[in-house]
Each structure stands twice: as C-alpha cells, then as structure tokens.
C-alpha cells in the first residue's frame, strides 16, 4: 500500500519561498505519475504541478498557468520523494497542498500530465501553506 506524507508547509510573507516535500513509501514502481494539488477554503481542488517519470533521468512536467515561472516540481526517484519549490509566493497561493500519485503499468506522459484529481489513486494528508500580505 503506497503512503504519501507531505511536509514543508507553513507561514510565509508574500514574495517569500517555501519548499514542499512528499515522501512516498510502499513501493511506487516506474513509470510514476505524481502531482501537487491545492485547495483553498470554498474553492475546488486545483492541479498545481505534475511530473511523469519513466526512469532515473526521464521526466515530463506540467505547471498550472497560475504558478508557471514561480513553482517548480521535481522528483528524486532514489529517495522516492516529490518536491515543490515555491518562489515569489502570493496571498492567493494560500491553500492546503496535497501530494498525489497514480500507478499504471502502461502509463505515458500524455495521460499523466492531463490526469484529473479524481483519477489519482493515492493521496497524502496535506500540508497548509499560508501567505500573508
């Protein structure tokens, strides 16, 4: 059973940076499709960034327009860890951030990067990010 545990959330002033981590345990096998979602109170869950990996040095990524140029998703296969580096944070980035993973034997980057939240198999418990003005 795959388990995902996020860490790194907290409070930061606008313009600051935070780095989120998501440690995966329980045997995620390549290819992997992992993502960061966020949900603010009263809003729908939003896909922030996705990374598809089919090998140690093979990655495809997606970033939502709202975070492009400010957030960067990365994955360390050796450590089974997903990262989200968040720079130039804005008040509107305040939300609960969730890590998600999907495992499919014949997955591909096209399917992974376009995958909806409802199609992800595994979810973390979330980590709160609060950006103050």
Protein backbone atom coordinates (compact mmCIF):
# COMPACT_ATOMS: atom_id res chain seq x y z
CA UNK A 1 0.00 0.00 0.00
CA UNK A 2 1.53 3.29 -1.09
CA UNK A 3 1.60 6.05 1.52
CA UNK A 4 2.35 9.70 0.84
CA UNK A 5 3.46 12.11 3.54
CA UNK A 6 3.81 15.81 2.82
CA UNK A 7 5.97 18.24 4.77
CA UNK A 8 7.33 21.75 4.47
CA UNK A 9 4.21 23.86 4.69
CA UNK A 10 3.94 26.89 6.91
CA UNK A 11 3.54 30.62 7.04
CA UNK A 12 5.46 32.95 4.75
CA UNK A 13 5.10 36.62 3.79
CA UNK A 14 4.18 37.49 0.23
CA UNK A 15 7.20 37.31 -2.03
CA UNK A 16 8.79 34.59 0.05
CA UNK A 17 9.62 30.98 -0.72
CA UNK A 18 8.71 27.57 0.61
CA UNK A 19 9.73 24.08 -0.38
CA UNK A 20 7.30 21.20 -0.01
CA UNK A 21 8.27 17.54 0.08
CA UNK A 22 6.23 14.39 -0.35
CA UNK A 23 7.80 11.13 0.79
CA UNK A 24 6.38 8.02 -0.84
CA UNK A 25 6.59 4.61 0.78
CA UNK A 26 5.12 1.23 0.00
CA UNK A 27 6.54 0.63 -3.43
CA UNK A 28 5.82 3.07 -6.21
CA UNK A 29 7.06 1.44 -9.40
CA UNK A 30 8.18 3.11 -12.59
CA UNK A 31 6.58 4.70 -14.52
CA UNK A 32 5.29 7.13 -11.90
CA UNK A 33 2.80 9.95 -12.18
CA UNK A 34 2.90 12.31 -9.23
CA UNK A 35 1.28 15.66 -8.69
CA UNK A 36 0.67 18.55 -6.37
CA UNK A 37 -2.86 19.81 -5.90
CA UNK A 38 -4.12 22.60 -3.69
CA UNK A 39 -7.44 23.55 -2.23
CA UNK A 40 -8.38 26.83 -0.63
CA UNK A 41 -11.48 27.18 1.59
CA UNK A 42 -14.61 27.34 -0.51
CA UNK A 43 -12.77 26.53 -3.73
CA UNK A 44 -12.35 23.44 -5.85
CA UNK A 45 -9.19 21.37 -5.75
CA UNK A 46 -6.72 22.78 -8.28
CA UNK A 47 -3.94 20.94 -10.06
CA UNK A 48 -0.70 22.84 -9.45
CA UNK A 49 2.05 20.71 -10.98
CA UNK A 50 2.59 17.21 -12.34
CA UNK A 51 5.66 15.14 -13.05
CA UNK A 52 5.83 11.93 -15.06
CA UNK A 53 8.91 9.76 -14.73
CA UNK A 54 9.71 6.63 -16.71
CA UNK A 55 13.29 6.32 -15.50
CA UNK A 56 16.06 7.94 -13.47
CA UNK A 57 16.67 10.73 -15.97
CA UNK A 58 13.40 10.86 -17.81
CA UNK A 59 10.88 13.45 -16.66
CA UNK A 60 7.98 15.34 -18.16
CA UNK A 61 6.39 18.15 -16.18
CA UNK A 62 3.33 20.36 -16.17
CA UNK A 63 2.76 23.56 -14.22
CA UNK A 64 -0.52 25.41 -13.98
CA UNK A 65 -0.55 28.87 -15.57
CA UNK A 66 -1.17 30.40 -12.16
CA UNK A 67 2.20 29.12 -10.86
CA UNK A 68 4.29 28.91 -14.02
CA UNK A 69 7.63 30.64 -13.58
CA UNK A 70 7.25 30.66 -9.79
CA UNK A 71 6.83 26.99 -8.80
CA UNK A 72 8.95 24.04 -9.86
CA UNK A 73 8.08 20.38 -9.43
CA UNK A 74 10.84 17.81 -9.14
CA UNK A 75 11.26 14.18 -8.18
CA UNK A 76 14.10 12.18 -6.68
CA UNK A 77 13.49 8.56 -7.66
CA UNK A 78 16.28 7.29 -5.43
CA UNK A 79 14.65 8.88 -2.39
CA UNK A 80 11.06 8.25 -3.55
CA UNK A 81 10.37 11.90 -2.86
CA UNK A 82 8.41 14.55 -4.73
CA UNK A 83 9.21 18.23 -4.30
CA UNK A 84 7.56 21.55 -4.99
CA UNK A 85 9.75 24.63 -4.84
CA UNK A 86 7.56 27.70 -4.47
CA UNK A 87 9.04 31.14 -5.05
CA UNK A 88 7.52 34.60 -5.25
CA UNK A 89 4.56 33.42 -3.24
CA UNK A 90 1.32 35.37 -3.42
CA UNK A 91 -1.56 35.64 -0.99
CA UNK A 92 -3.69 33.71 -3.46
CA UNK A 93 -1.32 30.72 -3.13
CA UNK A 94 -2.70 30.17 0.37
CA UNK A 95 -4.24 26.69 0.46
CA UNK A 96 -3.88 23.16 1.68
CA UNK A 97 -1.39 21.44 -0.61
CA UNK A 98 -1.77 17.75 -1.38
CA UNK A 99 0.57 15.25 -2.95
CA UNK A 100 -0.98 12.60 -5.20
CA UNK A 101 0.28 9.58 -7.09
CA UNK A 102 -1.07 7.26 -9.72
CA UNK A 103 0.31 3.90 -10.68
CA UNK A 104 -0.43 2.33 -14.07
CA UNK A 105 1.69 -0.20 -15.88
CA UNK A 106 1.32 1.31 -19.36
CA UNK A 107 1.05 4.94 -18.36
CA UNK A 108 2.51 7.68 -20.52
CA UNK A 109 3.33 11.35 -20.17
CA UNK A 110 0.29 12.49 -22.17
CA UNK A 111 -2.14 10.69 -19.89
CA UNK A 112 -0.27 11.59 -16.75
CA UNK A 113 0.04 15.32 -17.33
CA UNK A 114 -3.66 15.59 -18.21
CA UNK A 115 -4.92 13.38 -15.40
CA UNK A 116 -7.74 14.76 -13.25
CA UNK A 117 -7.73 14.69 -9.48
CA UNK A 118 -10.42 12.01 -9.38
CA UNK A 119 -8.15 9.63 -11.28
CA UNK A 120 -5.29 9.65 -8.80
CA UNK A 121 -5.02 6.55 -6.67
CA UNK A 122 -3.04 7.74 -3.69
CA UNK A 123 -3.20 10.97 -1.68
CA UNK A 124 -1.30 12.49 1.19
CA UNK A 125 -2.92 14.16 4.17
CA UNK A 126 -1.98 17.65 3.02
CA UNK A 127 0.21 20.45 4.31
CA UNK A 128 -1.02 24.01 4.88
CA UNK A 129 0.63 26.93 3.12
CA UNK A 130 -0.33 30.40 4.31
CA UNK A 131 0.95 33.50 2.54
CA UNK A 132 0.34 36.80 4.27
CA UNK A 133 0.28 40.26 2.74
